[in-house]
Amino acid sequence: MNLEFLVTHSGGFHADELLSSVILTRLFPQARIVRSRAPEWITPGTDRIIYDVGGAYGPDNRVFDHHQRGAPLREDGQPYSSFGLIWKHYGRDYLLASGLPEDSVDAVHTAFDASFVLPVDLLDNGAISPAVAGQLAPLTLPTLLESLKPVFDEEDPDADDRAFHAALVVTRSFVEANIAQRAAKLRAEGLVLRAIADAGASAILELPRGMPFRPAIVKSGADHLLFVVHPRDKDWCLTTIRRSDEGFEARADLPKAWAGLTNGDLELACGVKGATFCHNGLFIAAARTREAALEMAELAVKEARSPSA
């Protein structure tokens, strides 16, 4: 495909065409972004992809608009924005171009669509309001990206285009970081599942390094696990396992007697030489050595299982 142009509308910009541009410029770095509503630009051609403008949806002609009557809907009836349409047709290629292993592409594509693309689609179509985020509404990604537009009384005719390209740099960082985090979580899942198998019936899961662990623990059904131990820089961490993605309630807290203590005071309270820190919230502690961290974990398991706990 010899694409020369990536065509989207001129004027003020929104998150959906910015995010679409991130995907397309990665796949077609030789193509130039053209921001225009002129008929000669928004008419399909073999040298272009048209998105968020054009009044039609036609993958065969590479036109991806969603403002027209009869605009495409997802299988569940929810609307697409241009970002959703571009992600649907080009997202997998983008992930491969980003270096994601082929066997991870479908999982990351689906997860990114559900948690990142769909909210943008819904906001852009007015299907939900930023107000659902409450006091955080001004800090949602679409709102922040739109805040990069020129102010209303900017007189420079090139201000919109200049702001669009500046915002594109910021937008690209968010997409790439989010994809990288999702890929990392898949890598972590494999490591955690192997560690769970090695742990057997133990309530303590030892990991080779700090990494996301709760999704794999839930996926494996390892309900017997209570604490996680892993190295961190020059010391070792002992952490709790949250019961759910929302909130901070843990399957078991660290012993109350350790709360807020450090070094000698913590060693005295728990009886473990090398104990260095316990958070006042009882969700993380630290020790100088693996042996000390594991000993603290055993004590925490014992207290959690005691009748008075």
C-alpha atoms as a PDB file:
ATOM      1  CA  MET A   1       0.000   0.000   0.000  1.00  0.00           C
ATOM      2  CA  ASN A   2       1.616   3.249  -1.150  1.00  0.00           C
ATOM      3  CA  LEU A   3      -0.073   5.742   1.138  1.00  0.00           C
ATOM      4  CA  GLU A   4       0.966   9.365   0.930  1.00  0.00           C
ATOM      5  CA  PHE A   5      -1.671  11.075   3.086  1.00  0.00           C
ATOM      6  CA  LEU A   6      -3.522  10.613   6.347  1.00  0.00           C
ATOM      7  CA  VAL A   7      -6.503  12.924   6.092  1.00  0.00           C
ATOM      8  CA  THR A   8      -8.535  14.174   9.035  1.00  0.00           C
ATOM      9  CA  HIS A   9     -10.567  17.341   9.576  1.00  0.00           C
ATOM     10  CA  SER A  10      -9.196  20.810  10.137  1.00  0.00           C
ATOM     11  CA  GLY A  11     -10.065  23.138  13.010  1.00  0.00           C
ATOM     12  CA  GLY A  12     -10.352  22.117  16.626  1.00  0.00           C
ATOM     13  CA  PHE A  13      -9.327  18.583  17.511  1.00  0.00           C
ATOM     14  CA  HIS A  14     -10.551  15.852  19.807  1.00  0.00           C
ATOM     15  CA  ALA A  15      -9.054  12.747  21.336  1.00  0.00           C
ATOM     16  CA  ASP A  16     -10.397  10.343  18.719  1.00  0.00           C
ATOM     17  CA  GLU A  17      -8.553  11.726  15.686  1.00  0.00           C
ATOM     18  CA  LEU A  18      -5.418  12.351  17.749  1.00  0.00           C
ATOM     19  CA  LEU A  19      -5.406   8.739  18.921  1.00  0.00           C
ATOM     20  CA  SER A  20      -6.203   7.504  15.416  1.00  0.00           C
ATOM     21  CA  SER A  21      -3.233   9.511  14.162  1.00  0.00           C
ATOM     22  CA  VAL A  22      -0.942   7.783  16.653  1.00  0.00           C
ATOM     23  CA  ILE A  23      -1.895   4.388  15.225  1.00  0.00           C
ATOM     24  CA  LEU A  24      -1.703   5.411  11.579  1.00  0.00           C
ATOM     25  CA  THR A  25       1.561   7.339  11.744  1.00  0.00           C
ATOM     26  CA  ARG A  26       3.255   4.311  13.284  1.00  0.00           C
ATOM     27  CA  LEU A  27       2.078   2.104  10.432  1.00  0.00           C
ATOM     28  CA  PHE A  28       2.569   4.652   7.640  1.00  0.00           C
ATOM     29  CA  PRO A  29       5.449   6.883   8.746  1.00  0.00           C
ATOM     30  CA  GLN A  30       5.999   8.086   5.199  1.00  0.00           C
ATOM     31  CA  ALA A  31       2.471   9.533   4.968  1.00  0.00           C
ATOM     32  CA  ARG A  32       1.766  13.183   5.696  1.00  0.00           C
ATOM     33  CA  ILE A  33      -1.107  14.235   7.938  1.00  0.00           C
ATOM     34  CA  VAL A  34      -3.456  16.594   6.110  1.00  0.00           C
ATOM     35  CA  ARG A  35      -6.048  18.425   8.193  1.00  0.00           C
ATOM     36  CA  SER A  36      -8.763  19.627   5.813  1.00  0.00           C
ATOM     37  CA  ARG A  37     -12.467  19.569   4.997  1.00  0.00           C
ATOM     38  CA  ALA A  38     -11.923  20.433   1.342  1.00  0.00           C
ATOM     39  CA  PRO A  39     -13.746  18.030  -1.033  1.00  0.00           C
ATOM     40  CA  GLU A  40     -10.572  17.210  -2.921  1.00  0.00           C
ATOM     41  CA  TRP A  41      -9.006  15.909   0.283  1.00  0.00           C
ATOM     42  CA  ILE A  42     -11.932  14.060   1.858  1.00  0.00           C
ATOM     43  CA  THR A  43     -12.717  12.161  -1.341  1.00  0.00           C
ATOM     44  CA  PRO A  44     -11.410   8.563  -1.245  1.00  0.00           C
ATOM     45  CA  GLY A  45      -8.273   7.789  -3.211  1.00  0.00           C
ATOM     46  CA  THR A  46      -5.628   5.103  -3.453  1.00  0.00           C
ATOM     47  CA  ASP A  47      -3.067   7.386  -1.845  1.00  0.00           C
ATOM     48  CA  ARG A  48      -4.886   8.133   1.423  1.00  0.00           C
ATOM     49  CA  ILE A  49      -6.703   7.079   4.577  1.00  0.00           C
ATOM     50  CA  ILE A  50      -9.525   9.414   5.633  1.00  0.00           C
ATOM     51  CA  TYR A  51     -10.704   9.418   9.247  1.00  0.00           C
ATOM     52  CA  ASP A  52     -13.094  11.403  11.437  1.00  0.00           C
ATOM     53  CA  VAL A  53     -14.262  13.206   8.329  1.00  0.00           C
ATOM     54  CA  GLY A  54     -15.718  12.221   4.951  1.00  0.00           C
ATOM     55  CA  GLY A  55     -19.271  11.312   5.924  1.00  0.00           C
ATOM     56  CA  ALA A  56     -18.896   7.592   5.292  1.00  0.00           C
ATOM     57  CA  TYR A  57     -17.510   4.348   6.630  1.00  0.00           C
ATOM     58  CA  GLY A  58     -15.905   2.219   3.963  1.00  0.00           C
ATOM     59  CA  PRO A  59     -12.913   0.062   4.919  1.00  0.00           C
ATOM     60  CA  ASP A  60     -12.382  -0.925   1.285  1.00  0.00           C
ATOM     61  CA  ASN A  61     -12.005   2.763   0.361  1.00  0.00           C
ATOM     62  CA  ARG A  62     -10.156   3.502   3.635  1.00  0.00           C
ATOM     63  CA  VAL A  63     -12.728   6.025   4.888  1.00  0.00           C
ATOM     64  CA  PHE A  64     -13.439   5.899   8.633  1.00  0.00           C
ATOM     65  CA  ASP A  65     -15.989   8.488   9.700  1.00  0.00           C
ATOM     66  CA  HIS A  66     -18.700   8.069  12.326  1.00  0.00           C
ATOM     67  CA  HIS A  67     -20.722  11.294  12.139  1.00  0.00           C
ATOM     68  CA  GLN A  68     -23.096  10.245   9.359  1.00  0.00           C
ATOM     69  CA  ARG A  69     -26.510   8.598   9.587  1.00  0.00           C
ATOM     70  CA  GLY A  70     -26.166   4.863   9.756  1.00  0.00           C
ATOM     71  CA  ALA A  71     -22.720   5.107  11.326  1.00  0.00           C
ATOM     72  CA  PRO A  72     -21.261   1.714  12.313  1.00  0.00           C
ATOM     73  CA  LEU A  73     -21.950   0.256  15.743  1.00  0.00           C
ATOM     74  CA  ARG A  74     -20.196  -2.404  17.761  1.00  0.00           C
ATOM     75  CA  GLU A  75     -21.802  -5.808  18.053  1.00  0.00           C
ATOM     76  CA  ASP A  76     -23.337  -4.750  21.369  1.00  0.00           C
ATOM     77  CA  GLY A  77     -24.805  -1.594  19.831  1.00  0.00           C
ATOM     78  CA  GLN A  78     -22.321   0.858  21.300  1.00  0.00           C
ATOM     79  CA  PRO A  79     -21.002   3.539  18.929  1.00  0.00           C
ATOM     80  CA  TYR A  80     -17.589   3.829  17.382  1.00  0.00           C
ATOM     81  CA  SER A  81     -15.595   7.015  17.080  1.00  0.00           C
ATOM     82  CA  SER A  82     -12.896   7.255  14.435  1.00  0.00           C
ATOM     83  CA  PHE A  83     -10.468   5.845  17.001  1.00  0.00           C
ATOM     84  CA  GLY A  84     -12.545   2.712  17.494  1.00  0.00           C
ATOM     85  CA  LEU A  85     -12.795   2.190  13.741  1.00  0.00           C
ATOM     86  CA  ILE A  86      -9.082   2.692  13.171  1.00  0.00           C
ATOM     87  CA  TRP A  87      -8.261   0.390  16.091  1.00  0.00           C
ATOM     88  CA  LYS A  88     -10.634  -2.255  14.743  1.00  0.00           C
ATOM     89  CA  HIS A  89      -8.966  -2.304  11.336  1.00  0.00           C
ATOM     90  CA  TYR A  90      -5.376  -1.357  12.116  1.00  0.00           C
ATOM     91  CA  GLY A  91      -4.870  -2.084  15.826  1.00  0.00           C
ATOM     92  CA  ARG A  92      -3.436  -5.572  15.398  1.00  0.00           C
ATOM     93  CA  ASP A  93      -0.947  -4.355  12.791  1.00  0.00           C
ATOM     94  CA  TYR A  94       0.006  -1.528  15.140  1.00  0.00           C
ATOM     95  CA  LEU A  95       0.723  -3.995  17.951  1.00  0.00           C
ATOM     96  CA  LEU A  96       2.878  -6.148  15.693  1.00  0.00           C
ATOM     97  CA  ALA A  97       4.726  -3.050  14.483  1.00  0.00           C
ATOM     98  CA  SER A  98       5.305  -2.148  18.139  1.00  0.00           C
ATOM     99  CA  GLY A  99       7.161  -5.415  18.664  1.00  0.00           C
ATOM    100  CA  LEU A 100       4.448  -7.297  20.539  1.00  0.00           C
ATOM    101  CA  PRO A 101       4.784 -11.093  20.183  1.00  0.00           C
ATOM    102  CA  GLU A 102       2.199 -12.447  17.777  1.00  0.00           C
ATOM    103  CA  ASP A 103       0.696 -14.751  20.399  1.00  0.00           C
ATOM    104  CA  SER A 104      -0.061 -11.741  22.617  1.00  0.00           C
ATOM    105  CA  VAL A 105      -1.680  -9.552  19.964  1.00  0.00           C
ATOM    106  CA  ASP A 106      -5.292 -10.694  20.290  1.00  0.00           C
ATOM    107  CA  ALA A 107      -5.284 -10.448  24.088  1.00  0.00           C
ATOM    108  CA  VAL A 108      -3.764  -6.966  24.145  1.00  0.00           C
ATOM    109  CA  HIS A 109      -5.950  -5.772  21.262  1.00  0.00           C
ATOM    110  CA  THR A 110      -9.122  -6.852  23.062  1.00  0.00           C
ATOM    111  CA  ALA A 111      -8.074  -5.485  26.461  1.00  0.00           C
ATOM    112  CA  PHE A 112      -6.949  -2.130  25.053  1.00  0.00           C
ATOM    113  CA  ASP A 113     -10.177  -1.829  23.075  1.00  0.00           C
ATOM    114  CA  ALA A 114     -12.353  -2.457  26.121  1.00  0.00           C
ATOM    115  CA  SER A 115     -10.581  -0.225  28.625  1.00  0.00           C
ATOM    116  CA  PHE A 116      -8.977   2.517  26.513  1.00  0.00           C
ATOM    117  CA  VAL A 117     -10.637   2.749  23.094  1.00  0.00           C
ATOM    118  CA  LEU A 118     -14.266   2.220  24.073  1.00  0.00           C
ATOM    119  CA  PRO A 119     -14.384   5.024  26.687  1.00  0.00           C
ATOM    120  CA  VAL A 120     -12.995   7.437  24.073  1.00  0.00           C
ATOM    121  CA  ASP A 121     -15.626   6.249  21.581  1.00  0.00           C
ATOM    122  CA  LEU A 122     -18.437   6.725  24.080  1.00  0.00           C
ATOM    123  CA  LEU A 123     -17.292  10.182  25.176  1.00  0.00           C
ATOM    124  CA  ASP A 124     -16.820  11.370  21.607  1.00  0.00           C
ATOM    125  CA  ASN A 125     -20.340  10.272  20.676  1.00  0.00           C
ATOM    126  CA  GLY A 126     -21.954  11.754  23.768  1.00  0.00           C
ATOM    127  CA  ALA A 127     -22.961   8.284  24.982  1.00  0.00           C
ATOM    128  CA  ILE A 128     -21.367   9.061  28.342  1.00  0.00           C
ATOM    129  CA  SER A 129     -20.300  12.316  29.941  1.00  0.00           C
ATOM    130  CA  PRO A 130     -16.940  13.092  31.525  1.00  0.00           C
ATOM    131  CA  ALA A 131     -19.028  13.930  34.592  1.00  0.00           C
ATOM    132  CA  VAL A 132     -19.229  10.194  35.376  1.00  0.00           C
ATOM    133  CA  ALA A 133     -15.654  10.603  36.631  1.00  0.00           C
ATOM    134  CA  GLY A 134     -16.875  13.010  39.303  1.00  0.00           C
ATOM    135  CA  GLN A 135     -14.218  15.404  40.547  1.00  0.00           C
ATOM    136  CA  LEU A 136     -11.681  13.679  38.294  1.00  0.00           C
ATOM    137  CA  ALA A 137     -13.628  14.647  35.148  1.00  0.00           C
ATOM    138  CA  PRO A 138     -11.207  17.470  34.208  1.00  0.00           C
ATOM    139  CA  LEU A 139      -8.340  14.965  34.394  1.00  0.00           C
ATOM    140  CA  THR A 140      -9.728  12.334  32.018  1.00  0.00           C
ATOM    141  CA  LEU A 141      -7.474  11.796  28.995  1.00  0.00           C
ATOM    142  CA  PRO A 142      -9.893  13.160  26.346  1.00  0.00           C
ATOM    143  CA  THR A 143     -10.448  16.320  28.384  1.00  0.00           C
ATOM    144  CA  LEU A 144      -6.740  16.834  28.955  1.00  0.00           C
ATOM    145  CA  LEU A 145      -5.951  16.363  25.255  1.00  0.00           C
ATOM    146  CA  GLU A 146      -8.617  18.858  24.245  1.00  0.00           C
ATOM    147  CA  SER A 147      -7.154  21.359  26.700  1.00  0.00           C
ATOM    148  CA  LEU A 148      -4.124  21.504  24.378  1.00  0.00           C
ATOM    149  CA  LYS A 149      -6.192  23.282  21.722  1.00  0.00           C
ATOM    150  CA  PRO A 150      -5.493  26.986  21.115  1.00  0.00           C
ATOM    151  CA  VAL A 151      -7.505  29.475  23.138  1.00  0.00           C
ATOM    152  CA  PHE A 152     -10.635  30.873  21.486  1.00  0.00           C
ATOM    153  CA  ASP A 153      -9.129  34.252  20.566  1.00  0.00           C
ATOM    154  CA  GLU A 154      -5.902  32.945  19.058  1.00  0.00           C
ATOM    155  CA  GLU A 155      -5.513  34.809  15.748  1.00  0.00           C
ATOM    156  CA  ASP A 156      -2.715  32.798  14.125  1.00  0.00           C
ATOM    157  CA  PRO A 157      -4.301  30.772  11.264  1.00  0.00           C
ATOM    158  CA  ASP A 158      -1.755  27.990  11.788  1.00  0.00           C
ATOM    159  CA  ALA A 159      -2.435  27.694  15.522  1.00  0.00           C
ATOM    160  CA  ASP A 160      -4.808  24.701  15.249  1.00  0.00           C
ATOM    161  CA  ASP A 161      -2.429  22.646  13.133  1.00  0.00           C
ATOM    162  CA  ARG A 162       0.547  23.531  15.293  1.00  0.00           C
ATOM    163  CA  ALA A 163      -1.353  22.602  18.465  1.00  0.00           C
ATOM    164  CA  PHE A 164      -2.571  19.359  16.868  1.00  0.00           C
ATOM    165  CA  HIS A 165       0.959  18.172  16.114  1.00  0.00           C
ATOM    166  CA  ALA A 166       2.182  19.186  19.562  1.00  0.00           C
ATOM    167  CA  ALA A 167      -0.716  17.273  21.146  1.00  0.00           C
ATOM    168  CA  LEU A 168       0.065  14.265  18.954  1.00  0.00           C
ATOM    169  CA  VAL A 169       3.428  13.867  20.680  1.00  0.00           C
ATOM    170  CA  VAL A 170       1.724  13.784  24.079  1.00  0.00           C
ATOM    171  CA  THR A 171      -0.977  11.409  22.849  1.00  0.00           C
ATOM    172  CA  ARG A 172       1.572   9.002  21.416  1.00  0.00           C
ATOM    173  CA  SER A 173       3.274   8.733  24.801  1.00  0.00           C
ATOM    174  CA  PHE A 174       0.038   7.664  26.495  1.00  0.00           C
ATOM    175  CA  VAL A 175      -0.776   5.026  23.875  1.00  0.00           C
ATOM    176  CA  GLU A 176       2.713   3.549  23.799  1.00  0.00           C
ATOM    177  CA  ALA A 177       2.985   3.460  27.589  1.00  0.00           C
ATOM    178  CA  ASN A 178      -0.421   1.814  27.960  1.00  0.00           C
ATOM    179  CA  ILE A 179       0.411  -0.849  25.380  1.00  0.00           C
ATOM    180  CA  ALA A 180       3.798  -1.466  27.004  1.00  0.00           C
ATOM    181  CA  GLN A 181       2.153  -1.927  30.404  1.00  0.00           C
ATOM    182  CA  ARG A 182      -0.348  -4.419  28.987  1.00  0.00           C
ATOM    183  CA  ALA A 183       2.398  -6.398  27.296  1.00  0.00           C
ATOM    184  CA  ALA A 184       4.356  -6.413  30.545  1.00  0.00           C
ATOM    185  CA  LYS A 185       1.338  -7.726  32.442  1.00  0.00           C
ATOM    186  CA  LEU A 186       1.137 -10.664  30.048  1.00  0.00           C
ATOM    187  CA  ARG A 187       4.827 -11.422  30.622  1.00  0.00           C
ATOM    188  CA  ALA A 188       4.286 -11.140  34.365  1.00  0.00           C
ATOM    189  CA  GLU A 189       1.330 -13.512  34.211  1.00  0.00           C
ATOM    190  CA  GLY A 190       3.503 -16.332  32.926  1.00  0.00           C
ATOM    191  CA  LEU A 191       6.073 -15.773  35.677  1.00  0.00           C
ATOM    192  CA  VAL A 192       3.444 -15.588  38.409  1.00  0.00           C
ATOM    193  CA  LEU A 193       1.638 -18.718  37.244  1.00  0.00           C
ATOM    194  CA  ARG A 194       4.916 -20.650  37.340  1.00  0.00           C
ATOM    195  CA  ALA A 195       5.644 -19.316  40.829  1.00  0.00           C
ATOM    196  CA  ILE A 196       2.163 -20.355  41.994  1.00  0.00           C
ATOM    197  CA  ALA A 197       2.824 -23.884  40.774  1.00  0.00           C
ATOM    198  CA  ASP A 198       6.145 -23.904  42.647  1.00  0.00           C
ATOM    199  CA  ALA A 199       4.498 -22.586  45.836  1.00  0.00           C
ATOM    200  CA  GLY A 200       2.092 -25.512  46.025  1.00  0.00           C
ATOM    201  CA  ALA A 201      -0.094 -25.308  49.120  1.00  0.00           C
ATOM    202  CA  SER A 202       1.950 -22.549  50.754  1.00  0.00           C
ATOM    203  CA  ALA A 203       0.181 -19.293  51.617  1.00  0.00           C
ATOM    204  CA  ILE A 204       3.300 -17.404  50.575  1.00  0.00           C
ATOM    205  CA  LEU A 205       4.116 -16.686  46.934  1.00  0.00           C
ATOM    206  CA  GLU A 206       7.753 -15.899  46.176  1.00  0.00           C
ATOM    207  CA  LEU A 207       8.444 -13.987  42.957  1.00  0.00           C
ATOM    208  CA  PRO A 208      11.812 -13.313  41.292  1.00  0.00           C
ATOM    209  CA  ARG A 209      11.134  -9.558  41.177  1.00  0.00           C
ATOM    210  CA  GLY A 210       8.391  -7.017  41.696  1.00  0.00           C
ATOM    211  CA  MET A 211       5.636  -7.356  39.067  1.00  0.00           C
ATOM    212  CA  PRO A 212       1.837  -7.267  38.699  1.00  0.00           C
ATOM    213  CA  PHE A 213       0.648 -10.433  40.419  1.00  0.00           C
ATOM    214  CA  ARG A 214      -3.020 -10.185  41.386  1.00  0.00           C
ATOM    215  CA  PRO A 215      -4.566 -10.928  37.936  1.00  0.00           C
ATOM    216  CA  ALA A 216      -2.612 -14.184  37.635  1.00  0.00           C
ATOM    217  CA  ILE A 217      -3.453 -15.181  41.219  1.00  0.00           C
ATOM    218  CA  VAL A 218      -7.152 -14.643  40.508  1.00  0.00           C
ATOM    219  CA  LYS A 219      -6.913 -16.424  37.148  1.00  0.00           C
ATOM    220  CA  SER A 220      -5.246 -19.453  38.744  1.00  0.00           C
ATOM    221  CA  GLY A 221      -7.840 -19.700  41.518  1.00  0.00           C
ATOM    222  CA  ALA A 222      -5.077 -19.681  44.135  1.00  0.00           C
ATOM    223  CA  ASP A 223      -7.347 -18.505  46.944  1.00  0.00           C
ATOM    224  CA  HIS A 224      -5.017 -19.979  49.557  1.00  0.00           C
ATOM    225  CA  LEU A 225      -2.318 -17.372  48.905  1.00  0.00           C
ATOM    226  CA  LEU A 226      -2.130 -14.570  51.464  1.00  0.00           C
ATOM    227  CA  PHE A 227       1.212 -12.809  50.969  1.00  0.00           C
ATOM    228  CA  VAL A 228       3.822 -12.173  48.287  1.00  0.00           C
ATOM    229  CA  VAL A 229       7.577 -11.910  48.797  1.00  0.00           C
ATOM    230  CA  HIS A 230      10.001 -10.536  46.207  1.00  0.00           C
ATOM    231  CA  PRO A 231      13.358  -8.723  45.963  1.00  0.00           C
ATOM    232  CA  ARG A 232      13.464  -4.951  45.478  1.00  0.00           C
ATOM    233  CA  ASP A 233      16.743  -3.166  44.821  1.00  0.00           C
ATOM    234  CA  LYS A 234      18.911  -4.143  47.801  1.00  0.00           C
ATOM    235  CA  ASP A 235      16.150  -5.391  50.087  1.00  0.00           C
ATOM    236  CA  TRP A 236      13.100  -7.674  50.036  1.00  0.00           C
ATOM    237  CA  CYS A 237       9.409  -6.810  50.121  1.00  0.00           C
ATOM    238  CA  LEU A 238       6.505  -8.554  51.805  1.00  0.00           C
ATOM    239  CA  THR A 239       3.122  -7.461  50.438  1.00  0.00           C
ATOM    240  CA  THR A 240      -0.507  -8.335  50.921  1.00  0.00           C
ATOM    241  CA  ILE A 241      -2.946  -9.418  48.182  1.00  0.00           C
ATOM    242  CA  ARG A 242      -6.001  -7.232  47.571  1.00  0.00           C
ATOM    243  CA  ARG A 243      -9.396  -8.931  47.537  1.00  0.00           C
ATOM    244  CA  SER A 244     -10.596  -6.969  44.504  1.00  0.00           C
ATOM    245  CA  ASP A 245      -9.473  -4.418  41.938  1.00  0.00           C
ATOM    246  CA  GLU A 246     -11.535  -1.789  43.722  1.00  0.00           C
ATOM    247  CA  GLY A 247     -10.583  -0.757  47.216  1.00  0.00           C
ATOM    248  CA  PHE A 248      -7.677  -1.793  49.375  1.00  0.00           C
ATOM    249  CA  GLU A 249      -9.079  -4.595  51.531  1.00  0.00           C
ATOM    250  CA  ALA A 250      -6.552  -7.424  51.623  1.00  0.00           C
ATOM    251  CA  ARG A 251      -7.002 -11.149  51.997  1.00  0.00           C
ATOM    252  CA  ALA A 252      -4.972 -10.762  55.173  1.00  0.00           C
ATOM    253  CA  ASP A 253      -3.222  -7.774  56.736  1.00  0.00           C
ATOM    254  CA  LEU A 254       0.239  -7.806  58.210  1.00  0.00           C
ATOM    255  CA  PRO A 255       0.297  -8.043  62.040  1.00  0.00           C
ATOM    256  CA  LYS A 256      -1.064  -4.950  63.775  1.00  0.00           C
ATOM    257  CA  ALA A 257       1.901  -4.872  66.154  1.00  0.00           C
ATOM    258  CA  TRP A 258       4.185  -4.049  63.227  1.00  0.00           C
ATOM    259  CA  ALA A 259       2.289  -0.976  62.009  1.00  0.00           C
ATOM    260  CA  GLY A 260       4.507   2.031  61.327  1.00  0.00           C
ATOM    261  CA  LEU A 261       7.648   0.508  62.840  1.00  0.00           C
ATOM    262  CA  THR A 262      11.162   0.537  61.363  1.00  0.00           C
ATOM    263  CA  ASN A 263      14.541  -1.094  61.948  1.00  0.00           C
ATOM    264  CA  GLY A 264      15.273  -1.943  65.597  1.00  0.00           C
ATOM    265  CA  ASP A 265      11.710  -1.235  66.759  1.00  0.00           C
ATOM    266  CA  LEU A 266      10.310  -3.553  64.091  1.00  0.00           C
ATOM    267  CA  GLU A 267      12.906  -6.237  64.825  1.00  0.00           C
ATOM    268  CA  LEU A 268      11.869  -6.113  68.462  1.00  0.00           C
ATOM    269  CA  ALA A 269       8.147  -6.277  67.626  1.00  0.00           C
ATOM    270  CA  CYS A 270       8.359  -9.219  65.212  1.00  0.00           C
ATOM    271  CA  GLY A 271      11.474 -10.983  66.469  1.00  0.00           C
ATOM    272  CA  VAL A 272      13.060 -11.102  63.013  1.00  0.00           C
ATOM    273  CA  LYS A 273      16.598  -9.798  62.612  1.00  0.00           C
ATOM    274  CA  GLY A 274      16.819  -7.766  59.420  1.00  0.00           C
ATOM    275  CA  ALA A 275      13.227  -6.470  59.445  1.00  0.00           C
ATOM    276  CA  THR A 276      13.401  -2.820  58.369  1.00  0.00           C
ATOM    277  CA  PHE A 277       9.960  -1.363  57.695  1.00  0.00           C
ATOM    278  CA  CYS A 278       6.229  -1.921  57.945  1.00  0.00           C
ATOM    279  CA  HIS A 279       3.731   0.526  56.497  1.00  0.00           C
ATOM    280  CA  ASN A 280       1.198   1.918  58.916  1.00  0.00           C
ATOM    281  CA  GLY A 281      -1.525   0.609  56.575  1.00  0.00           C
ATOM    282  CA  LEU A 282      -0.237  -2.967  57.068  1.00  0.00           C
ATOM    283  CA  PHE A 283      -0.082  -3.763  53.345  1.00  0.00           C
ATOM    284  CA  ILE A 284       3.696  -3.780  52.798  1.00  0.00           C
ATOM    285  CA  ALA A 285       6.822  -4.491  54.805  1.00  0.00           C
ATOM    286  CA  ALA A 286      10.525  -4.784  54.005  1.00  0.00           C
ATOM    287  CA  ALA A 287      13.566  -6.698  55.185  1.00  0.00           C
ATOM    288  CA  ARG A 288      17.272  -6.753  54.386  1.00  0.00           C
ATOM    289  CA  THR A 289      17.362 -10.391  53.287  1.00  0.00           C
ATOM    290  CA  ARG A 290      15.193 -13.018  51.618  1.00  0.00           C
ATOM    291  CA  GLU A 291      15.354 -15.156  54.747  1.00  0.00           C
ATOM    292  CA  ALA A 292      14.090 -12.317  56.938  1.00  0.00           C
ATOM    293  CA  ALA A 293      11.261 -11.496  54.531  1.00  0.00           C
ATOM    294  CA  LEU A 294      10.144 -15.122  54.393  1.00  0.00           C
ATOM    295  CA  GLU A 295      10.304 -15.397  58.196  1.00  0.00           C
ATOM    296  CA  MET A 296       8.129 -12.291  58.494  1.00  0.00           C
ATOM    297  CA  ALA A 297       5.723 -13.792  55.969  1.00  0.00           C
ATOM    298  CA  GLU A 298       5.420 -16.992  57.989  1.00  0.00           C
ATOM    299  CA  LEU A 299       4.646 -14.968  61.105  1.00  0.00           C
ATOM    300  CA  ALA A 300       2.041 -12.964  59.204  1.00  0.00           C
ATOM    301  CA  VAL A 301       0.382 -16.169  57.937  1.00  0.00           C
ATOM    302  CA  LYS A 302       0.332 -17.619  61.451  1.00  0.00           C
ATOM    303  CA  GLU A 303      -1.340 -14.510  62.865  1.00  0.00           C
ATOM    304  CA  ALA A 304      -3.821 -14.305  59.988  1.00  0.00           C
ATOM    305  CA  ARG A 305      -4.876 -17.897  60.633  1.00  0.00           C
ATOM    306  CA  SER A 306      -5.093 -17.581  64.412  1.00  0.00           C
ATOM    307  CA  PRO A 307      -8.613 -17.749  65.887  1.00  0.00           C
ATOM    308  CA  SER A 308      -8.313 -14.205  67.254  1.00  0.00           C
ATOM    309  CA  ALA A 309      -7.437 -12.683  63.866  1.00  0.00           C
END
